[in-house]
N, C-alpha and C. Protein backbone atom coordinates (compact mmCIF):
# COMPACT_ATOMS: atom_id res chain seq x y z
N UNK A 1 0.82 -1.19 0.00
CA UNK A 1 0.00 0.00 0.00
C UNK A 1 0.87 1.25 0.00
N UNK A 2 1.98 1.22 0.75
CA UNK A 2 2.88 2.37 0.80
C UNK A 2 3.45 2.66 -0.58
N UNK A 3 3.83 1.62 -1.31
CA UNK A 3 4.36 1.80 -2.66
C UNK A 3 3.33 2.44 -3.56
N UNK A 4 2.09 1.96 -3.48
CA UNK A 4 1.02 2.53 -4.30
C UNK A 4 0.82 4.00 -3.97
N UNK A 5 0.80 4.34 -2.69
CA UNK A 5 0.61 5.74 -2.30
C UNK A 5 1.79 6.59 -2.75
N UNK A 6 3.02 6.08 -2.61
CA UNK A 6 4.17 6.85 -3.05
C UNK A 6 4.11 7.10 -4.55
N UNK A 7 3.78 6.06 -5.33
CA UNK A 7 3.65 6.23 -6.78
C UNK A 7 2.54 7.21 -7.11
N UNK A 8 1.46 7.15 -6.35
CA UNK A 8 0.34 8.06 -6.58
C UNK A 8 0.75 9.49 -6.27
N UNK A 9 1.47 9.69 -5.18
CA UNK A 9 1.94 11.03 -4.83
C UNK A 9 2.86 11.55 -5.92
N UNK A 10 3.76 10.71 -6.39
CA UNK A 10 4.67 11.10 -7.47
C UNK A 10 3.88 11.53 -8.70
N UNK A 11 2.89 10.73 -9.07
CA UNK A 11 2.06 11.06 -10.23
C UNK A 11 1.28 12.35 -9.98
N UNK A 12 0.80 12.53 -8.76
CA UNK A 12 0.02 13.73 -8.45
C UNK A 12 0.87 14.99 -8.54
N UNK A 13 2.11 14.91 -8.08
CA UNK A 13 2.99 16.08 -8.15
C UNK A 13 3.31 16.40 -9.59
N UNK A 14 3.56 15.39 -10.39
CA UNK A 14 3.84 15.62 -11.81
C UNK A 14 2.62 16.14 -12.55
N UNK A 15 1.45 15.67 -12.17
CA UNK A 15 0.21 16.11 -12.81
C UNK A 15 -0.32 17.31 -12.02
N UNK A 16 0.29 18.44 -12.22
CA UNK A 16 -0.02 19.66 -11.46
C UNK A 16 -1.51 19.98 -11.46
N UNK A 17 -2.19 19.83 -12.57
CA UNK A 17 -3.60 20.19 -12.65
C UNK A 17 -4.47 19.37 -11.72
N UNK A 18 -4.07 18.16 -11.42
CA UNK A 18 -4.86 17.31 -10.54
C UNK A 18 -4.92 17.87 -9.13
N UNK A 19 -3.83 18.45 -8.67
CA UNK A 19 -3.78 18.94 -7.29
C UNK A 19 -3.75 20.45 -7.15
N UNK A 20 -3.83 21.20 -8.25
CA UNK A 20 -3.61 22.64 -8.14
C UNK A 20 -4.63 23.32 -7.24
N UNK A 21 -5.84 22.78 -7.13
CA UNK A 21 -6.81 23.41 -6.26
C UNK A 21 -6.52 23.15 -4.78
N UNK A 22 -5.68 22.17 -4.48
CA UNK A 22 -5.41 21.82 -3.09
C UNK A 22 -4.05 22.33 -2.60
N UNK A 23 -3.04 22.24 -3.44
CA UNK A 23 -1.70 22.63 -3.00
C UNK A 23 -0.98 23.34 -4.12
N UNK A 24 -0.01 24.18 -3.73
CA UNK A 24 0.79 24.92 -4.69
C UNK A 24 2.06 24.12 -4.94
N UNK A 25 2.13 23.51 -6.13
CA UNK A 25 3.27 22.66 -6.45
C UNK A 25 4.02 23.26 -7.63
N UNK A 26 5.32 23.25 -7.56
CA UNK A 26 6.13 23.71 -8.67
C UNK A 26 6.09 22.66 -9.77
N UNK A 27 5.91 23.10 -11.02
CA UNK A 27 5.76 22.16 -12.13
C UNK A 27 6.96 21.25 -12.33
N UNK A 28 8.14 21.72 -12.04
CA UNK A 28 9.34 20.94 -12.33
C UNK A 28 9.85 20.13 -11.16
N UNK A 29 9.00 19.81 -10.21
CA UNK A 29 9.44 19.05 -9.03
C UNK A 29 9.54 17.57 -9.36
N UNK A 30 10.70 17.01 -9.14
CA UNK A 30 10.88 15.57 -9.30
C UNK A 30 11.41 14.92 -8.03
N UNK A 31 12.06 15.69 -7.18
CA UNK A 31 12.69 15.15 -5.98
C UNK A 31 11.71 15.14 -4.82
N UNK A 32 10.99 14.07 -4.68
CA UNK A 32 10.02 13.94 -3.60
C UNK A 32 10.66 13.19 -2.44
N UNK A 33 10.51 13.73 -1.26
CA UNK A 33 10.94 13.04 -0.05
C UNK A 33 9.69 12.59 0.67
N UNK A 34 9.56 11.29 0.81
CA UNK A 34 8.39 10.73 1.50
C UNK A 34 8.57 10.93 2.99
N UNK A 35 7.60 11.56 3.64
CA UNK A 35 7.75 11.86 5.05
C UNK A 35 6.92 10.97 5.95
N UNK A 36 5.62 10.95 5.78
CA UNK A 36 4.78 10.30 6.77
C UNK A 36 3.41 10.00 6.17
N UNK A 37 2.80 8.93 6.66
CA UNK A 37 1.44 8.61 6.26
C UNK A 37 0.71 8.03 7.46
N UNK A 38 -0.51 8.42 7.63
CA UNK A 38 -1.38 7.78 8.61
C UNK A 38 -2.75 7.64 7.96
N UNK A 39 -3.74 7.26 8.73
CA UNK A 39 -5.06 7.01 8.14
C UNK A 39 -5.72 8.27 7.61
N UNK A 40 -5.34 9.43 8.13
CA UNK A 40 -5.99 10.67 7.76
C UNK A 40 -5.22 11.50 6.75
N UNK A 41 -3.90 11.57 6.90
CA UNK A 41 -3.11 12.48 6.08
C UNK A 41 -1.89 11.80 5.47
N UNK A 42 -1.52 12.28 4.29
CA UNK A 42 -0.26 11.90 3.66
C UNK A 42 0.58 13.17 3.63
N UNK A 43 1.80 13.10 4.13
CA UNK A 43 2.67 14.27 4.19
C UNK A 43 3.95 13.97 3.40
N UNK A 44 4.43 14.97 2.67
CA UNK A 44 5.68 14.81 1.94
C UNK A 44 6.30 16.18 1.71
N UNK A 45 7.56 16.18 1.29
CA UNK A 45 8.22 17.45 0.99
C UNK A 45 8.83 17.38 -0.40
N UNK A 46 8.87 18.52 -1.04
CA UNK A 46 9.50 18.66 -2.34
C UNK A 46 10.39 19.89 -2.25
N UNK A 47 11.69 19.66 -2.35
CA UNK A 47 12.66 20.77 -2.30
C UNK A 47 12.38 21.72 -1.13
N UNK A 48 12.32 21.15 0.04
CA UNK A 48 12.13 21.91 1.29
C UNK A 48 10.77 22.60 1.41
N UNK A 49 9.81 22.23 0.61
CA UNK A 49 8.44 22.72 0.78
C UNK A 49 7.61 21.53 1.23
N UNK A 50 6.81 21.73 2.24
CA UNK A 50 6.06 20.63 2.84
C UNK A 50 4.59 20.69 2.43
N UNK A 51 4.04 19.50 2.17
CA UNK A 51 2.66 19.38 1.72
C UNK A 51 1.97 18.28 2.50
N UNK A 52 0.68 18.39 2.60
CA UNK A 52 -0.11 17.30 3.15
C UNK A 52 -1.45 17.28 2.44
N UNK A 53 -1.94 16.07 2.23
CA UNK A 53 -3.21 15.87 1.54
C UNK A 53 -3.95 14.76 2.28
N UNK A 54 -5.25 14.89 2.35
CA UNK A 54 -6.04 13.83 2.97
C UNK A 54 -5.85 12.51 2.25
N UNK A 55 -5.75 11.44 3.01
CA UNK A 55 -5.54 10.12 2.43
C UNK A 55 -6.66 9.77 1.46
N UNK A 56 -7.90 10.18 1.74
CA UNK A 56 -9.03 9.90 0.84
C UNK A 56 -8.79 10.56 -0.52
N UNK A 57 -8.25 11.78 -0.52
CA UNK A 57 -7.96 12.49 -1.78
C UNK A 57 -6.90 11.74 -2.58
N UNK A 58 -5.86 11.27 -1.89
CA UNK A 58 -4.82 10.50 -2.58
C UNK A 58 -5.42 9.23 -3.17
N UNK A 59 -6.28 8.55 -2.40
CA UNK A 59 -6.90 7.34 -2.93
C UNK A 59 -7.76 7.67 -4.14
N UNK A 60 -8.45 8.82 -4.13
CA UNK A 60 -9.25 9.22 -5.29
C UNK A 60 -8.38 9.49 -6.50
N UNK A 61 -7.19 10.06 -6.29
CA UNK A 61 -6.26 10.26 -7.40
C UNK A 61 -5.82 8.91 -7.94
N UNK A 62 -5.55 7.98 -7.04
CA UNK A 62 -5.20 6.62 -7.45
C UNK A 62 -6.34 5.99 -8.23
N UNK A 63 -7.59 6.18 -7.75
CA UNK A 63 -8.74 5.64 -8.47
C UNK A 63 -8.88 6.27 -9.84
N UNK A 64 -8.57 7.57 -9.96
CA UNK A 64 -8.72 8.28 -11.23
C UNK A 64 -7.90 7.61 -12.32
N UNK A 65 -6.85 6.93 -11.92
CA UNK A 65 -6.04 6.22 -12.89
C UNK A 65 -6.69 4.90 -13.28
N UNK A 66 -7.76 4.52 -12.59
CA UNK A 66 -8.42 3.24 -12.82
C UNK A 66 -9.50 3.37 -13.88
N UNK A 67 -9.39 2.54 -14.89
CA UNK A 67 -10.28 2.55 -16.04
C UNK A 67 -11.43 1.58 -15.81
N UNK A 68 -12.66 2.06 -15.95
CA UNK A 68 -13.85 1.25 -15.75
C UNK A 68 -14.60 1.19 -17.07
N UNK A 69 -14.79 -0.01 -17.60
CA UNK A 69 -15.55 -0.20 -18.84
C UNK A 69 -17.01 -0.44 -18.49
N UNK A 70 -17.89 0.42 -19.03
CA UNK A 70 -19.33 0.29 -18.85
C UNK A 70 -19.94 -0.16 -20.17
N UNK A 71 -20.67 -1.28 -20.15
CA UNK A 71 -21.26 -1.83 -21.37
C UNK A 71 -22.76 -2.00 -21.15
N UNK A 72 -23.57 -1.30 -21.94
CA UNK A 72 -25.02 -1.43 -21.85
C UNK A 72 -25.63 -0.81 -23.10
N UNK A 73 -26.82 -1.29 -23.47
CA UNK A 73 -27.47 -0.76 -24.66
C UNK A 73 -28.33 0.47 -24.36
N UNK A 74 -28.39 0.89 -23.11
CA UNK A 74 -29.15 2.08 -22.72
C UNK A 74 -28.19 3.27 -22.61
N UNK A 75 -28.21 4.17 -23.61
CA UNK A 75 -27.26 5.29 -23.60
C UNK A 75 -27.46 6.22 -22.41
N UNK A 76 -28.70 6.36 -21.93
CA UNK A 76 -28.93 7.23 -20.77
C UNK A 76 -28.29 6.65 -19.52
N UNK A 77 -28.42 5.35 -19.33
CA UNK A 77 -27.79 4.69 -18.18
C UNK A 77 -26.27 4.83 -18.26
N UNK A 78 -25.71 4.61 -19.45
CA UNK A 78 -24.27 4.75 -19.62
C UNK A 78 -23.80 6.15 -19.24
N UNK A 79 -24.53 7.15 -19.71
CA UNK A 79 -24.15 8.54 -19.44
C UNK A 79 -24.23 8.86 -17.95
N UNK A 80 -25.32 8.46 -17.31
CA UNK A 80 -25.49 8.75 -15.89
C UNK A 80 -24.44 8.04 -15.03
N UNK A 81 -24.24 6.76 -15.29
CA UNK A 81 -23.26 6.00 -14.49
C UNK A 81 -21.84 6.52 -14.76
N UNK A 82 -21.53 6.80 -16.03
CA UNK A 82 -20.19 7.32 -16.36
C UNK A 82 -19.94 8.65 -15.66
N UNK A 83 -20.92 9.54 -15.67
CA UNK A 83 -20.77 10.83 -14.99
C UNK A 83 -20.58 10.64 -13.49
N UNK A 84 -21.35 9.73 -12.90
CA UNK A 84 -21.25 9.48 -11.46
C UNK A 84 -19.87 8.93 -11.10
N UNK A 85 -19.40 7.96 -11.88
CA UNK A 85 -18.08 7.37 -11.59
C UNK A 85 -16.97 8.39 -11.79
N UNK A 86 -17.08 9.20 -12.85
CA UNK A 86 -16.08 10.23 -13.10
C UNK A 86 -16.06 11.25 -11.95
N UNK A 87 -17.22 11.66 -11.50
CA UNK A 87 -17.32 12.60 -10.39
C UNK A 87 -16.68 12.04 -9.13
N UNK A 88 -16.73 10.73 -8.98
CA UNK A 88 -16.19 10.07 -7.79
C UNK A 88 -14.78 9.54 -7.98
N UNK A 89 -14.09 10.02 -8.99
CA UNK A 89 -12.66 9.75 -9.09
C UNK A 89 -12.24 8.59 -9.96
N UNK A 90 -13.15 8.02 -10.75
CA UNK A 90 -12.78 6.92 -11.64
C UNK A 90 -12.76 7.43 -13.08
N UNK A 91 -12.20 6.62 -13.98
CA UNK A 91 -12.12 7.01 -15.39
C UNK A 91 -12.97 6.03 -16.20
N UNK A 92 -14.25 6.35 -16.44
CA UNK A 92 -15.12 5.43 -17.18
C UNK A 92 -14.96 5.57 -18.70
N UNK A 93 -15.10 4.43 -19.38
CA UNK A 93 -15.25 4.41 -20.84
C UNK A 93 -16.48 3.55 -21.12
N UNK A 94 -17.17 3.83 -22.22
CA UNK A 94 -18.44 3.16 -22.47
C UNK A 94 -18.47 2.45 -23.81
N UNK A 95 -19.36 1.47 -23.88
CA UNK A 95 -19.65 0.74 -25.13
C UNK A 95 -21.13 0.38 -25.11
N UNK A 96 -21.78 0.45 -26.27
CA UNK A 96 -23.22 0.25 -26.36
C UNK A 96 -23.64 -1.18 -26.65
N UNK A 97 -22.70 -2.09 -26.78
CA UNK A 97 -23.04 -3.48 -27.07
C UNK A 97 -21.92 -4.39 -26.57
N UNK A 98 -22.23 -5.67 -26.48
CA UNK A 98 -21.22 -6.63 -26.06
C UNK A 98 -20.04 -6.68 -27.03
N UNK A 99 -20.33 -6.62 -28.32
CA UNK A 99 -19.27 -6.66 -29.33
C UNK A 99 -18.37 -5.43 -29.24
N UNK A 100 -18.99 -4.25 -29.10
CA UNK A 100 -18.19 -3.03 -28.94
C UNK A 100 -17.43 -3.07 -27.62
N UNK A 101 -18.07 -3.62 -26.60
CA UNK A 101 -17.41 -3.76 -25.30
C UNK A 101 -16.16 -4.61 -25.41
N UNK A 102 -16.24 -5.69 -26.19
CA UNK A 102 -15.09 -6.57 -26.39
C UNK A 102 -13.94 -5.80 -27.05
N UNK A 103 -14.26 -5.01 -28.07
CA UNK A 103 -13.23 -4.24 -28.77
C UNK A 103 -12.58 -3.22 -27.85
N UNK A 104 -13.41 -2.54 -27.04
CA UNK A 104 -12.88 -1.56 -26.09
C UNK A 104 -12.01 -2.26 -25.05
N UNK A 105 -12.46 -3.41 -24.58
CA UNK A 105 -11.69 -4.19 -23.60
C UNK A 105 -10.32 -4.56 -24.17
N UNK A 106 -10.29 -5.08 -25.39
CA UNK A 106 -9.03 -5.50 -26.01
C UNK A 106 -8.07 -4.33 -26.19
N UNK A 107 -8.60 -3.18 -26.50
CA UNK A 107 -7.78 -2.00 -26.75
C UNK A 107 -7.29 -1.35 -25.46
N UNK A 108 -8.13 -1.31 -24.42
CA UNK A 108 -7.84 -0.51 -23.23
C UNK A 108 -7.49 -1.28 -21.97
N UNK A 109 -7.81 -2.56 -21.89
CA UNK A 109 -7.57 -3.36 -20.68
C UNK A 109 -8.06 -2.65 -19.42
N UNK A 110 -9.37 -2.46 -19.27
CA UNK A 110 -9.90 -1.76 -18.10
C UNK A 110 -9.65 -2.53 -16.81
N UNK A 111 -9.68 -1.82 -15.70
CA UNK A 111 -9.47 -2.44 -14.40
C UNK A 111 -10.70 -3.20 -13.92
N UNK A 112 -11.89 -2.71 -14.28
CA UNK A 112 -13.16 -3.36 -13.92
C UNK A 112 -14.10 -3.23 -15.10
N UNK A 113 -14.91 -4.27 -15.34
CA UNK A 113 -15.92 -4.24 -16.39
C UNK A 113 -17.29 -4.32 -15.72
N UNK A 114 -18.18 -3.40 -16.12
CA UNK A 114 -19.57 -3.40 -15.65
C UNK A 114 -20.43 -3.55 -16.89
N UNK A 115 -21.27 -4.60 -16.94
CA UNK A 115 -22.01 -4.90 -18.16
C UNK A 115 -23.44 -5.32 -17.88
N UNK A 116 -24.30 -5.03 -18.84
CA UNK A 116 -25.64 -5.61 -18.84
C UNK A 116 -25.55 -7.03 -19.37
N UNK A 117 -26.67 -7.75 -19.30
CA UNK A 117 -26.70 -9.12 -19.84
C UNK A 117 -27.27 -9.11 -21.25
N UNK A 118 -28.48 -8.61 -21.40
CA UNK A 118 -29.15 -8.59 -22.71
C UNK A 118 -28.96 -7.24 -23.36
N UNK A 119 -28.29 -7.25 -24.50
CA UNK A 119 -28.10 -6.01 -25.24
C UNK A 119 -28.53 -6.27 -26.68
N UNK A 120 -27.57 -6.40 -27.60
CA UNK A 120 -27.97 -6.65 -28.99
C UNK A 120 -28.53 -8.05 -29.18
N UNK A 121 -28.12 -8.99 -28.34
CA UNK A 121 -28.73 -10.33 -28.33
C UNK A 121 -29.07 -10.67 -26.89
N UNK A 122 -29.84 -11.72 -26.70
CA UNK A 122 -30.35 -12.07 -25.38
C UNK A 122 -29.25 -12.36 -24.36
N UNK A 123 -28.08 -12.80 -24.82
CA UNK A 123 -27.02 -13.16 -23.88
C UNK A 123 -25.68 -12.52 -24.21
N UNK A 124 -25.69 -11.35 -24.84
CA UNK A 124 -24.42 -10.75 -25.26
C UNK A 124 -23.52 -10.39 -24.07
N UNK A 125 -24.09 -10.09 -22.91
CA UNK A 125 -23.28 -9.86 -21.71
C UNK A 125 -22.55 -11.12 -21.28
N UNK A 126 -23.26 -12.26 -21.35
CA UNK A 126 -22.62 -13.54 -21.03
C UNK A 126 -21.48 -13.83 -22.01
N UNK A 127 -21.72 -13.55 -23.29
CA UNK A 127 -20.67 -13.78 -24.29
C UNK A 127 -19.43 -12.93 -24.00
N UNK A 128 -19.67 -11.68 -23.63
CA UNK A 128 -18.56 -10.80 -23.29
C UNK A 128 -17.78 -11.37 -22.10
N UNK A 129 -18.48 -11.80 -21.07
CA UNK A 129 -17.81 -12.37 -19.89
C UNK A 129 -17.01 -13.62 -20.26
N UNK A 130 -17.60 -14.50 -21.09
CA UNK A 130 -16.87 -15.71 -21.51
C UNK A 130 -15.57 -15.35 -22.22
N UNK A 131 -15.64 -14.37 -23.13
CA UNK A 131 -14.46 -13.98 -23.89
C UNK A 131 -13.39 -13.38 -22.98
N UNK A 132 -13.82 -12.56 -22.04
CA UNK A 132 -12.87 -11.97 -21.09
C UNK A 132 -12.22 -13.07 -20.27
N UNK A 133 -13.02 -14.03 -19.78
CA UNK A 133 -12.48 -15.11 -18.94
C UNK A 133 -11.56 -16.04 -19.72
N UNK A 134 -11.75 -16.15 -21.04
CA UNK A 134 -10.82 -16.94 -21.85
C UNK A 134 -9.43 -16.31 -21.85
N UNK A 135 -9.38 -15.00 -21.79
CA UNK A 135 -8.10 -14.29 -21.78
C UNK A 135 -7.50 -14.18 -20.39
N UNK A 136 -8.34 -13.89 -19.42
CA UNK A 136 -7.84 -13.72 -18.05
C UNK A 136 -8.94 -14.00 -17.04
N UNK A 137 -8.58 -14.72 -16.00
CA UNK A 137 -9.55 -15.15 -14.99
C UNK A 137 -9.79 -14.09 -13.92
N UNK A 138 -8.87 -13.19 -13.72
CA UNK A 138 -8.91 -12.31 -12.56
C UNK A 138 -9.53 -10.94 -12.80
N UNK A 139 -9.85 -10.57 -14.02
CA UNK A 139 -10.40 -9.24 -14.30
C UNK A 139 -11.75 -9.09 -13.61
N UNK A 140 -11.92 -8.11 -12.70
CA UNK A 140 -13.21 -7.93 -12.04
C UNK A 140 -14.33 -7.62 -13.03
N UNK A 141 -15.46 -8.32 -12.86
CA UNK A 141 -16.59 -8.20 -13.79
C UNK A 141 -17.87 -8.10 -12.97
N UNK A 142 -18.65 -7.06 -13.24
CA UNK A 142 -19.91 -6.83 -12.54
C UNK A 142 -21.04 -6.83 -13.56
N UNK A 143 -22.09 -7.60 -13.28
CA UNK A 143 -23.30 -7.54 -14.11
C UNK A 143 -24.31 -6.61 -13.46
N UNK A 144 -24.95 -5.77 -14.28
CA UNK A 144 -26.04 -4.91 -13.86
C UNK A 144 -27.17 -5.17 -14.83
N UNK A 145 -28.25 -5.83 -14.35
CA UNK A 145 -29.32 -6.23 -15.26
C UNK A 145 -30.64 -6.37 -14.53
N UNK A 146 -31.71 -6.05 -15.23
CA UNK A 146 -33.05 -6.28 -14.67
C UNK A 146 -33.37 -7.76 -14.67
N UNK A 147 -32.60 -8.56 -15.41
CA UNK A 147 -32.86 -10.00 -15.52
C UNK A 147 -32.22 -10.82 -14.40
N UNK A 148 -31.44 -10.19 -13.55
CA UNK A 148 -30.75 -10.94 -12.50
C UNK A 148 -31.73 -11.67 -11.59
N UNK A 149 -32.93 -11.13 -11.43
CA UNK A 149 -33.91 -11.78 -10.54
C UNK A 149 -34.62 -12.96 -11.20
N UNK A 150 -34.44 -13.15 -12.51
CA UNK A 150 -35.03 -14.30 -13.20
C UNK A 150 -34.27 -15.55 -12.76
N UNK A 151 -35.01 -16.61 -12.38
CA UNK A 151 -34.34 -17.84 -11.92
C UNK A 151 -33.28 -18.32 -12.91
N UNK A 152 -32.10 -18.57 -12.39
CA UNK A 152 -31.01 -19.10 -13.19
C UNK A 152 -30.06 -18.05 -13.74
N UNK A 153 -30.49 -16.81 -13.88
CA UNK A 153 -29.63 -15.78 -14.48
C UNK A 153 -28.43 -15.46 -13.59
N UNK A 154 -28.69 -15.21 -12.30
CA UNK A 154 -27.60 -14.91 -11.37
C UNK A 154 -26.63 -16.09 -11.27
N UNK A 155 -27.19 -17.30 -11.19
CA UNK A 155 -26.36 -18.49 -11.07
C UNK A 155 -25.47 -18.65 -12.29
N UNK A 156 -26.05 -18.44 -13.49
CA UNK A 156 -25.26 -18.52 -14.72
C UNK A 156 -24.14 -17.49 -14.71
N UNK A 157 -24.48 -16.27 -14.31
CA UNK A 157 -23.48 -15.20 -14.27
C UNK A 157 -22.33 -15.56 -13.34
N UNK A 158 -22.65 -16.07 -12.17
CA UNK A 158 -21.61 -16.41 -11.20
C UNK A 158 -20.79 -17.62 -11.67
N UNK A 159 -21.44 -18.60 -12.30
CA UNK A 159 -20.71 -19.76 -12.82
C UNK A 159 -19.73 -19.36 -13.92
N UNK A 160 -20.11 -18.37 -14.72
CA UNK A 160 -19.23 -17.90 -15.79
C UNK A 160 -18.06 -17.07 -15.27
N UNK A 161 -18.18 -16.60 -14.03
CA UNK A 161 -17.07 -15.86 -13.44
C UNK A 161 -17.33 -14.42 -13.07
N UNK A 162 -18.60 -14.00 -13.05
CA UNK A 162 -18.91 -12.64 -12.60
C UNK A 162 -18.58 -12.53 -11.11
N UNK A 163 -18.08 -11.38 -10.71
CA UNK A 163 -17.76 -11.16 -9.30
C UNK A 163 -18.98 -10.72 -8.50
N UNK A 164 -19.78 -9.85 -9.10
CA UNK A 164 -20.94 -9.26 -8.42
C UNK A 164 -22.05 -9.08 -9.44
N UNK A 165 -23.30 -9.22 -9.00
CA UNK A 165 -24.47 -8.97 -9.84
C UNK A 165 -25.40 -7.98 -9.14
N UNK A 166 -25.80 -6.94 -9.85
CA UNK A 166 -26.76 -5.97 -9.36
C UNK A 166 -28.02 -6.03 -10.20
N UNK A 167 -29.15 -5.84 -9.56
CA UNK A 167 -30.43 -5.79 -10.26
C UNK A 167 -30.77 -4.34 -10.56
N UNK A 168 -31.17 -4.06 -11.82
CA UNK A 168 -31.66 -2.73 -12.17
C UNK A 168 -33.08 -2.59 -11.64
N UNK A 169 -33.46 -1.45 -11.17
CA UNK A 169 -32.62 -0.28 -10.92
C UNK A 169 -31.74 -0.50 -9.70
N UNK A 170 -30.63 0.19 -9.67
CA UNK A 170 -29.67 0.04 -8.58
C UNK A 170 -29.24 1.42 -8.10
N UNK A 171 -28.65 1.44 -6.93
CA UNK A 171 -28.12 2.69 -6.38
C UNK A 171 -26.68 2.87 -6.86
N UNK A 172 -26.37 4.01 -7.46
CA UNK A 172 -25.00 4.23 -7.93
C UNK A 172 -23.95 4.09 -6.83
N UNK A 173 -24.32 4.47 -5.60
CA UNK A 173 -23.38 4.36 -4.48
C UNK A 173 -22.97 2.90 -4.26
N UNK A 174 -23.92 1.98 -4.42
CA UNK A 174 -23.61 0.56 -4.25
C UNK A 174 -22.64 0.08 -5.32
N UNK A 175 -22.86 0.53 -6.56
CA UNK A 175 -21.95 0.16 -7.64
C UNK A 175 -20.56 0.72 -7.38
N UNK A 176 -20.47 1.99 -6.98
CA UNK A 176 -19.18 2.60 -6.68
C UNK A 176 -18.46 1.84 -5.57
N UNK A 177 -19.17 1.48 -4.52
CA UNK A 177 -18.57 0.73 -3.42
C UNK A 177 -18.05 -0.62 -3.90
N UNK A 178 -18.83 -1.29 -4.75
CA UNK A 178 -18.40 -2.59 -5.28
C UNK A 178 -17.13 -2.43 -6.13
N UNK A 179 -17.09 -1.41 -6.98
CA UNK A 179 -15.92 -1.17 -7.82
C UNK A 179 -14.70 -0.88 -6.96
N UNK A 180 -14.85 0.01 -5.98
CA UNK A 180 -13.73 0.34 -5.09
C UNK A 180 -13.23 -0.91 -4.36
N UNK A 181 -14.15 -1.75 -3.92
CA UNK A 181 -13.77 -2.98 -3.22
C UNK A 181 -12.99 -3.91 -4.15
N UNK A 182 -13.47 -4.09 -5.38
CA UNK A 182 -12.77 -4.96 -6.32
C UNK A 182 -11.40 -4.42 -6.70
N UNK A 183 -11.27 -3.10 -6.77
CA UNK A 183 -9.97 -2.50 -7.10
C UNK A 183 -8.98 -2.71 -5.97
N UNK A 184 -9.44 -2.62 -4.74
CA UNK A 184 -8.54 -2.76 -3.58
C UNK A 184 -8.07 -4.19 -3.37
N UNK A 185 -8.84 -5.16 -3.82
CA UNK A 185 -8.51 -6.57 -3.58
C UNK A 185 -7.29 -6.97 -4.38
């Protein structure tokens, strides 16, 4: 965790715009001296100037580097969820179908995939999950579908390797918490 935070602090100092509203950092700072971390604050110095940032803010900067693929055939849902995740420190990308989702996945390698089940075909979400699992077993995958409550749908999703299943409609806070949990694991 310390390594992740140090790398995040380094990235934050280099990315001046990310922290400019919180601290005054010189653009050309590369020599970071790691000072102290506790549950509330991260403290460090750059060329004899001392800074501190709330640990939650640093974690949000770390999350901002995390790419979340959202796949659903409802453009309004994609827009709302993408805006919510972006506002909460994640970097969402969207696809309107399982096939497009696959192409985006192959190109971008997202940290977490959130997908519907039925899109262009009745089981295109399942197909996407199967294809992802053929390549890698550990990629976090969340299903969000109104069909999850239909007998057998949740079981099929979990057997194929989904980590979590949410029933539409869902609370965005629950999805965010699930994504953050999967990222931390």
